[in-house]
Structure formats: C-alpha cells, structure tokens
Protein backbone atom coordinates (compact mmCIF):
# COMPACT_ATOMS: atom_id res chain seq x y z
CA UNK A 1 75.70 13.67 -86.03
CA UNK A 2 73.17 11.16 -87.26
CA UNK A 3 70.52 11.87 -89.82
CA UNK A 4 67.83 11.10 -87.24
CA UNK A 5 69.24 13.68 -84.83
CA UNK A 6 69.30 16.39 -87.52
CA UNK A 7 65.73 15.66 -88.38
CA UNK A 8 64.64 16.17 -84.78
CA UNK A 9 66.45 19.52 -84.60
CA UNK A 10 64.73 20.68 -87.81
CA UNK A 11 61.32 19.72 -86.43
CA UNK A 12 61.95 21.61 -83.18
CA UNK A 13 63.14 24.65 -85.10
CA UNK A 14 60.04 24.62 -87.29
CA UNK A 15 57.80 24.39 -84.23
CA UNK A 16 59.52 27.41 -82.67
CA UNK A 17 59.36 29.34 -85.93
CA UNK A 18 55.68 28.55 -86.51
CA UNK A 19 54.88 29.47 -82.88
CA UNK A 20 56.45 32.89 -83.22
CA UNK A 21 54.67 33.35 -86.54
CA UNK A 22 51.32 32.45 -84.99
CA UNK A 23 51.99 34.69 -81.97
CA UNK A 24 52.87 37.58 -84.27
CA UNK A 25 49.78 36.98 -86.36
CA UNK A 26 47.64 36.89 -83.23
CA UNK A 27 49.05 40.17 -81.95
CA UNK A 28 48.57 41.81 -85.33
CA UNK A 29 45.02 40.47 -85.66
CA UNK A 30 44.16 41.57 -82.13
CA UNK A 31 45.47 45.06 -82.83
CA UNK A 32 43.40 45.31 -85.99
CA UNK A 33 40.27 44.06 -84.25
CA UNK A 34 40.79 46.56 -81.41
CA UNK A 35 41.31 49.46 -83.82
CA UNK A 36 38.20 48.52 -85.73
CA UNK A 37 36.16 48.53 -82.48
CA UNK A 38 35.14 44.93 -82.92
CA UNK A 39 35.91 44.22 -79.24
CA UNK A 40 33.48 46.85 -77.92
CA UNK A 41 30.64 45.33 -75.88
CA UNK A 42 27.66 47.35 -76.98
CA UNK A 43 25.41 45.43 -74.61
CA UNK A 44 21.67 45.84 -74.88
CA UNK A 45 18.74 47.88 -73.60
CA UNK A 46 18.01 47.15 -69.94
CA UNK A 47 14.62 45.61 -69.27
CA UNK A 48 14.01 48.39 -66.74
CA UNK A 49 14.65 51.18 -69.21
CA UNK A 50 11.01 52.30 -69.30
CA UNK A 51 10.87 52.25 -65.48
CA UNK A 52 14.06 54.32 -65.26
CA UNK A 53 12.71 56.82 -67.78
CA UNK A 54 9.60 57.26 -65.64
CA UNK A 55 11.43 57.75 -62.36
CA UNK A 56 13.79 60.25 -63.98
CA UNK A 57 10.79 62.56 -64.10
CA UNK A 58 10.34 62.41 -60.34
CA UNK A 59 11.44 65.80 -59.07
CA UNK A 60 12.68 66.08 -55.48
CA UNK A 61 11.01 69.49 -55.21
CA UNK A 62 7.25 69.47 -54.80
CA UNK A 63 4.70 72.23 -55.02
CA UNK A 64 3.30 73.50 -51.74
CA UNK A 65 -0.01 71.86 -52.63
CA UNK A 66 1.39 68.38 -53.21
CA UNK A 67 4.23 68.20 -50.71
CA UNK A 68 2.16 66.81 -47.81
CA UNK A 69 0.42 64.28 -50.04
CA UNK A 70 3.72 63.08 -51.50
CA UNK A 71 5.28 62.87 -48.05
CA UNK A 72 2.41 60.66 -46.91
CA UNK A 73 2.92 58.35 -49.88
CA UNK A 74 6.65 58.16 -49.30
CA UNK A 75 6.14 57.29 -45.65
CA UNK A 76 3.79 54.47 -46.70
CA UNK A 77 6.42 53.14 -49.09
CA UNK A 78 9.01 53.29 -46.30
CA UNK A 79 6.67 51.50 -43.90
CA UNK A 80 6.19 48.64 -46.36
CA UNK A 81 9.88 48.53 -47.22
CA UNK A 82 10.66 48.28 -43.52
CA UNK A 83 8.62 45.08 -43.34
CA UNK A 84 10.29 43.42 -46.33
CA UNK A 85 13.70 45.12 -46.54
CA UNK A 86 14.41 47.01 -43.30
CA UNK A 87 17.98 47.85 -44.34
CA UNK A 88 16.79 49.83 -47.37
CA UNK A 89 14.10 51.58 -45.35
CA UNK A 90 16.70 52.56 -42.77
CA UNK A 91 19.10 53.95 -45.37
CA UNK A 92 16.38 56.02 -47.02
CA UNK A 93 15.07 57.27 -43.68
CA UNK A 94 18.50 58.69 -42.89
CA UNK A 95 18.23 60.87 -45.99
CA UNK A 96 14.85 62.37 -45.11
CA UNK A 97 16.44 65.47 -43.61
CA UNK A 98 18.96 65.87 -46.42
CA UNK A 99 17.56 68.63 -48.60
CA UNK A 100 19.66 67.44 -51.55
CA UNK A 101 18.33 63.89 -51.44
CA UNK A 102 15.60 62.86 -53.86
CA UNK A 103 13.58 60.52 -51.67
CA UNK A 104 11.19 59.71 -54.51
CA UNK A 105 14.00 58.29 -56.63
CA UNK A 106 15.63 56.50 -53.70
CA UNK A 107 12.39 54.64 -53.07
CA UNK A 108 11.93 53.95 -56.79
CA UNK A 109 15.45 52.52 -57.02
CA UNK A 110 14.68 50.04 -54.25
CA UNK A 111 11.35 49.07 -55.75
CA UNK A 112 12.71 48.52 -59.25
CA UNK A 113 13.28 44.84 -58.58
CA UNK A 114 10.01 44.47 -56.69
CA UNK A 115 7.63 45.21 -59.55
CA UNK A 116 6.76 41.52 -59.90
CA UNK A 117 6.86 40.76 -56.20
CA UNK A 118 3.17 40.06 -55.72
CA UNK A 119 3.27 39.99 -51.91
CA UNK A 120 5.10 43.32 -51.73
CA UNK A 121 2.86 45.03 -54.29
CA UNK A 122 -0.32 43.80 -52.60
CA UNK A 123 0.82 45.05 -49.22
CA UNK A 124 1.89 48.39 -50.69
CA UNK A 125 -1.41 48.93 -52.50
CA UNK A 126 -3.41 48.06 -49.40
CA UNK A 127 -1.53 50.68 -47.40
CA UNK A 128 -1.76 53.31 -50.15
CA UNK A 129 -5.49 52.74 -50.45
CA UNK A 130 -5.86 53.66 -46.80
CA UNK A 131 -4.76 57.21 -47.68
CA UNK A 132 -7.81 57.72 -49.89
CA UNK A 133 -10.51 55.81 -47.99
CA UNK A 134 -11.79 58.89 -46.17
CA UNK A 135 -10.70 61.45 -48.72
CA UNK A 136 -8.40 64.37 -48.01
CA UNK A 137 -9.13 66.04 -44.70
CA UNK A 138 -9.14 69.74 -43.92
CA UNK A 139 -5.71 71.20 -43.31
CA UNK A 140 -6.13 71.39 -39.56
CA UNK A 141 -3.90 70.56 -36.63
CA UNK A 142 -4.69 67.29 -34.86
CA UNK A 143 -4.09 69.16 -31.59
CA UNK A 144 -7.40 71.01 -31.51
CA UNK A 145 -6.46 74.06 -29.45
CA UNK A 146 -3.74 74.84 -31.99
CA UNK A 147 -6.46 75.63 -34.54
CA UNK A 148 -7.58 78.66 -32.52
CA UNK A 149 -6.73 82.22 -33.61
CA UNK A 150 -5.20 82.79 -30.18
CA UNK A 151 -2.48 80.25 -30.93
CA UNK A 152 -1.64 81.95 -34.21
CA UNK A 153 -1.16 85.23 -32.34
CA UNK A 154 0.80 83.61 -29.51
CA UNK A 155 3.26 82.00 -31.91
CA UNK A 156 4.22 85.36 -33.34
CA UNK A 157 4.61 86.86 -29.88
CA UNK A 158 6.84 83.99 -28.73
CA UNK A 159 9.14 84.26 -31.74
CA UNK A 160 9.70 87.95 -30.94
CA UNK A 161 11.17 86.88 -27.59
CA UNK A 162 13.38 84.12 -29.00
CA UNK A 163 16.70 85.95 -28.25
CA UNK A 164 15.66 86.48 -24.62
CA UNK A 165 14.44 82.88 -24.22
CA UNK A 166 17.65 81.48 -25.70
CA UNK A 167 19.82 83.73 -23.55
CA UNK A 168 17.99 82.80 -20.33
CA UNK A 169 18.05 79.10 -21.26
CA UNK A 170 21.82 79.10 -21.76
CA UNK A 171 22.36 80.86 -18.45
CA UNK A 172 20.32 78.37 -16.39
CA UNK A 173 21.22 75.24 -18.39
CA UNK A 174 17.74 74.39 -19.68
CA UNK A 175 16.51 73.52 -23.17
CA UNK A 176 14.73 76.62 -24.55
CA UNK A 177 11.83 74.56 -25.90
CA UNK A 178 11.00 73.36 -22.39
CA UNK A 179 10.81 76.96 -21.13
CA UNK A 180 8.50 77.79 -24.04
CA UNK A 181 6.30 74.83 -23.05
CA UNK A 182 5.62 76.55 -19.71
CA UNK A 183 5.12 79.90 -21.44
CA UNK A 184 2.53 78.48 -23.84
CA UNK A 185 0.38 77.08 -21.04
CA UNK A 186 0.38 80.34 -19.07
CA UNK A 187 -0.24 82.60 -22.06
CA UNK A 188 -3.04 80.45 -23.51
CA UNK A 189 -4.69 80.60 -20.08
CA UNK A 190 -4.37 84.39 -19.97
CA UNK A 191 -5.57 84.84 -23.54
CA UNK A 192 -8.79 83.03 -22.71
CA UNK A 193 -9.38 84.37 -19.19
CA UNK A 194 -8.78 88.04 -20.00
CA UNK A 195 -10.51 88.54 -23.34
CA UNK A 196 -10.69 92.32 -23.09
CA UNK A 197 -6.93 92.67 -22.62
CA UNK A 198 -6.35 90.15 -25.40
CA UNK A 199 -8.51 92.02 -27.91
CA UNK A 200 -7.22 95.50 -27.03
CA UNK A 201 -3.48 94.89 -26.71
CA UNK A 202 -2.29 91.33 -27.27
CA UNK A 203 -3.93 90.48 -30.59
CA UNK A 204 -3.14 93.71 -32.50
CA UNK A 205 0.42 94.05 -31.16
CA UNK A 206 1.35 90.33 -31.09
CA UNK A 207 2.99 90.60 -27.66
CA UNK A 208 2.98 88.44 -24.54
CA UNK A 209 0.60 89.15 -21.68
CA UNK A 210 2.40 90.39 -18.55
CA UNK A 211 0.85 89.84 -15.12
CA UNK A 212 1.53 92.26 -12.27
CA UNK A 213 -0.69 91.30 -9.33
CA UNK A 214 -0.88 87.87 -7.65
CA UNK A 215 1.31 86.21 -10.26
CA UNK A 216 4.10 88.05 -12.03
CA UNK A 217 5.47 88.33 -15.52
CA UNK A 218 4.67 86.44 -18.69
CA UNK A 219 4.91 83.08 -16.91
CA UNK A 220 2.84 83.95 -13.83
CA UNK A 221 5.57 83.35 -11.24
CA UNK A 222 4.53 84.15 -7.69
CA UNK A 223 6.76 86.28 -5.46
CA UNK A 224 7.32 83.52 -2.87
CA UNK A 225 8.25 81.09 -5.65
CA UNK A 226 10.86 83.53 -6.99
CA UNK A 227 12.31 83.88 -3.47
CA UNK A 228 12.53 80.09 -3.13
CA UNK A 229 14.33 79.89 -6.49
CA UNK A 230 16.94 82.42 -5.32
CA UNK A 231 17.45 80.56 -2.02
CA UNK A 232 17.78 77.17 -3.73
CA UNK A 233 20.56 78.54 -5.94
CA UNK A 234 22.68 79.36 -2.87
CA UNK A 235 21.99 76.32 -0.69
CA UNK A 236 24.09 73.20 -1.45
CA UNK A 237 22.01 71.26 1.12
CA UNK A 238 18.76 71.93 -0.74
CA UNK A 239 17.41 69.05 -2.83
CA UNK A 240 16.72 71.71 -5.48
CA UNK A 241 20.35 72.90 -5.64
CA UNK A 242 21.53 73.21 -9.26
CA UNK A 243 25.28 73.32 -8.63
CA UNK A 244 27.99 75.87 -7.94
CA UNK A 245 28.15 77.08 -11.56
CA UNK A 246 24.61 78.46 -11.23
CA UNK A 247 24.83 80.05 -7.76
CA UNK A 248 25.17 83.64 -8.96
CA UNK A 249 22.90 83.82 -12.01
CA UNK A 250 20.19 85.73 -10.09
CA UNK A 251 22.44 87.87 -7.90
CA UNK A 252 21.36 91.45 -7.22
CA UNK A 253 23.80 94.37 -7.66
CA UNK A 254 23.67 95.15 -3.93
CA UNK A 255 23.45 92.35 -1.36
CA UNK A 256 22.15 92.35 2.20
CA UNK A 257 18.98 94.39 1.64
CA UNK A 258 15.33 93.66 0.90
CA UNK A 259 14.99 92.96 -2.83
CA UNK A 260 11.19 92.73 -2.99
CA UNK A 261 10.70 95.73 -5.26
CA UNK A 262 13.65 94.84 -7.44
CA UNK A 263 12.43 91.26 -7.79
CA UNK A 264 8.97 92.41 -8.84
CA UNK A 265 10.47 94.90 -11.27
CA UNK A 266 12.48 92.10 -12.87
CA UNK A 267 9.41 89.99 -13.47
CA UNK A 268 6.87 92.61 -14.54
CA UNK A 269 9.09 94.45 -17.01
CA UNK A 270 6.77 94.95 -19.99
CA UNK A 271 9.59 95.56 -22.45
CA UNK A 272 12.03 92.87 -21.37
CA UNK A 273 10.84 89.41 -20.28
CA UNK A 274 14.31 87.98 -19.73
CA UNK A 275 13.91 87.39 -16.00
CA UNK A 276 10.54 85.68 -16.45
CA UNK A 277 12.29 83.13 -18.65
CA UNK A 278 15.30 82.85 -16.34
CA UNK A 279 13.20 82.15 -13.23
CA UNK A 280 11.14 79.67 -15.25
CA UNK A 281 14.27 77.83 -16.37
CA UNK A 282 15.56 77.73 -12.79
CA UNK A 283 12.27 76.28 -11.51
CA UNK A 284 12.44 73.55 -14.15
CA UNK A 285 16.11 72.78 -13.47
CA UNK A 286 15.69 72.79 -9.68
CA UNK A 287 12.66 70.51 -9.87
CA UNK A 288 14.52 68.07 -12.11
CA UNK A 289 17.41 68.02 -9.61
CA UNK A 290 15.05 67.31 -6.71
CA UNK A 291 13.58 64.27 -8.48
CA UNK A 292 16.96 63.05 -9.64
CA UNK A 293 18.36 63.15 -6.10
CA UNK A 294 15.34 61.16 -4.95
CA UNK A 295 16.15 58.49 -7.54
CA UNK A 296 13.50 59.38 -10.13
CA UNK A 297 14.58 61.05 -13.35
CA UNK A 298 11.94 63.11 -15.14
CA UNK A 299 14.27 64.83 -17.64
CA UNK A 300 12.43 63.06 -20.47
CA UNK A 301 8.98 63.94 -19.14
CA UNK A 302 8.11 67.50 -20.24
CA UNK A 303 4.49 66.87 -19.22
CA UNK A 304 5.56 66.26 -15.60
CA UNK A 305 8.11 69.08 -15.49
CA UNK A 306 5.58 71.58 -16.87
CA UNK A 307 2.90 70.33 -14.48
CA UNK A 308 5.26 70.80 -11.52
CA UNK A 309 6.19 74.27 -12.74
CA UNK A 310 2.49 75.11 -12.65
CA UNK A 311 1.63 73.67 -9.22
CA UNK A 312 4.81 74.81 -7.41
CA UNK A 313 7.70 73.52 -5.32
CA UNK A 314 5.51 72.54 -2.36
CA UNK A 315 3.56 70.08 -4.51
CA UNK A 316 6.67 68.55 -6.08
CA UNK A 317 6.91 65.17 -4.36
CA UNK A 318 9.18 62.69 -6.17
CA UNK A 319 7.78 59.23 -6.72
CA UNK A 320 7.64 56.32 -9.11
CA UNK A 321 4.36 57.33 -10.74
CA UNK A 322 4.28 61.09 -11.44
CA UNK A 323 1.02 62.45 -12.81
CA UNK A 324 0.43 65.08 -15.47
CA UNK A 325 -2.15 67.77 -14.68
CA UNK A 326 -2.23 71.23 -13.14
CA UNK A 327 -4.58 74.14 -13.69
CA UNK A 328 -7.62 73.61 -15.90
CA UNK A 329 -7.64 75.81 -18.98
CA UNK A 330 -10.54 76.34 -21.36
CA UNK A 331 -9.55 76.70 -25.00
CA UNK A 332 -11.99 76.64 -27.89
CA UNK A 333 -14.76 75.28 -25.69
CA UNK A 334 -12.68 72.37 -24.36
CA UNK A 335 -10.92 71.92 -21.04
CA UNK A 336 -7.23 71.04 -20.92
CA UNK A 337 -4.74 70.82 -18.08
CA UNK A 338 -1.65 73.00 -17.95
CA UNK A 339 0.63 69.97 -18.24
CA UNK A 340 -1.13 68.61 -21.31
CA UNK A 341 -0.99 71.94 -23.13
CA UNK A 342 2.75 72.15 -22.46
CA UNK A 343 3.21 68.53 -23.59
CA UNK A 344 1.15 69.17 -26.73
CA UNK A 345 3.35 72.08 -27.68
CA UNK A 346 6.63 70.38 -26.83
CA UNK A 347 6.04 67.45 -29.18
CA UNK A 348 3.84 69.22 -31.76
CA UNK A 349 6.61 70.27 -34.14
CA UNK A 350 5.35 73.87 -33.93
CA UNK A 351 8.16 76.50 -33.78
CA UNK A 352 10.70 73.71 -34.20
CA UNK A 353 12.96 75.87 -36.37
CA UNK A 354 13.11 78.52 -33.66
CA UNK A 355 13.23 76.14 -30.68
CA UNK A 356 14.63 72.76 -31.77
CA UNK A 357 15.00 69.68 -29.60
CA UNK A 358 18.45 69.60 -28.02
CA UNK A 359 20.69 66.70 -27.07
CA UNK A 360 20.38 67.59 -23.37
CA UNK A 361 17.30 68.92 -21.62
CA UNK A 362 19.45 70.13 -18.73
CA UNK A 363 23.14 71.04 -18.55
CA UNK A 364 24.61 69.98 -15.23
C-alpha cells in the first residue's frame, strides 16, 4: 500500500472522528441549553394588552337598568360590522340567544383590529350618536294600545288559560299564538265596550270575559259559525275541510240529535274555555285550507287570518290581494281594526315565552 494511499485513509478517518466529536458536542450543548431554559421564547407584551385588559371587565350579565341600553349599543355594533365584515356579524348574531355567550366580548374581539380603521370608527360613532340625539325615551311600548291598563290585565288572564290554549291548539293543528291573536282582539273589544263588567269582575279577578248572548264564549263565536265548523270537519267536499285526522275532534257523545244546547254550553262555560279555543283554531285552520285550495296561501299572514276569523266564513273570498281589517275597536282613544290588533300582538314579542313562534302555523 503506497504512502499516498495511507495518508488519504488517515484524513478520512480524522474527518469521521471529528464529525462524531462535533455531533456529540452539539448534542451535549443543546441538552445543557435546554436544561438551562435558554431556548424558551419569552416573547413580549402584546400591543393590545391594554385593550384586552379593558374588555376583560365587560360582564355578560347586565343590570336591569342597563340591559336595554347595552343591547341597543350591541345591535349598532353588529349593524356596522355587517357592512364591513358580514361574516363576523353573522357569527355573533347566532350567539345572541345563547345565554352563556358574552356578546360584549365577542364584539370587542372583532373590533380589536379595527381601532385604527378610520372609516369603520367614523361609521360606528355616527350610528352610536343616533342613540343619544333625542335622549332616552320613556319605557313605553311602541304599539300604543299595549300601554293601556286593560292590556296588562288581559295578559295575566291569557296566561292563566295557557294549558287550555295549548291543548286545543294541538288538537286542531294550529299554532297557539295565532289562536291568542284572535283572543286578544275579541277581549280588548269587550274590555272597552263593557266597562262596568270589566271593572267589577275582569280587572280584580284577572279572568277572560265570556259572552253568552249573540256571540258566545271568550272569542265571541256565533252559533251558526260553530255549526258550520262542525259540518266542515265532516265534509271532504267542503273547501274548508281540514282532513280525515280532524273529523272527530268536535264529536258529541250522542249523535243524531239536536246539539244546540250542548254546543252553547261548550262555548259559554265560565270555568273552562277549552271549546272556545278549539272552535277558534278550527275556524283558522279551515279558512287557511279554503285559501290554499284556491291557490292562495295565507299561512304567513296572521293579519288576514285574524281578520277572516272576525268577519266570518261567508266573507272569506280567496284572492290575490287579501285585505286586513274587520271590526273597529276603540282603545285608549284610538280606533283600530280587529285584524291590526291581532297582527300587533302576534309580532309584538309579548307573551313570547308562553306562546312562542312555531315552525309550522298549521299541521296538515
């Protein structure tokens, strides 16, 4: 073996040896650095630290005094966010009904990076300023007749009958809130037309007014209307027919005889208003079926359905342009129509816990 060849082998061996030595030194050094904590990235203080400290103080729970004011501010923030960043506004809006969500902090998180966005901040301030231009208004309902003492009494009376309303609604396949819309119009009318009865019985006892002469029950259903309801349930050829599943919901214990007295007894029962609600639900359902068969759906028009309940089957004439109206009712010195009062209630948000909106107005 030549001297030159031996020299090359020694060089290669030294390279390998030095490489292992360097690798070992590197591993040992790395281990020491790690153990000493020299590799920890301590970072720095975020530029938004002060902002985060401030929003940490935003409590999701608000006092009864401030809750409406804070809600108004949050809705303004969401409105502005929806113009600039609709995705964020949508995500926050979904959490509005989540009692565990802190909407204040969700909004603040989105706006953290918008503090120097001049266009956003100008728009936001302009909208917020609108909340204070006229000062804080009296805590009144925008629907004027709902500020009357009669409405406060009626609400309590209606809630007492919630189990009966819900039971009747399930039986006839109608949303309970729609039945209550008819009830509100009739009772408000009675409260204001029969003041003596209201003051002596209705107001102190918080009960519904029951009629027993020309119109019957708490919803003022006429005898001939109740008869028509019963006939429509049994007649598949009637445009008001609700379907076979509903044919027997108003059956009498004994068939083939005159049920006039029994029918009246059902409706004017002072202790149990179940049948008043059941006949009301049937009228609403049958009217909706008539219009649907004629090619005009009014299932999303409580104003029209309540108007037609008030004026009766004979006046229910399906068409492309239904009109809201009905009996004129004086409340608090102003005149309203039966249909408008029912519509006002239906979309007012009043009694929404007791009678929520349902996915279907009618169950076929």
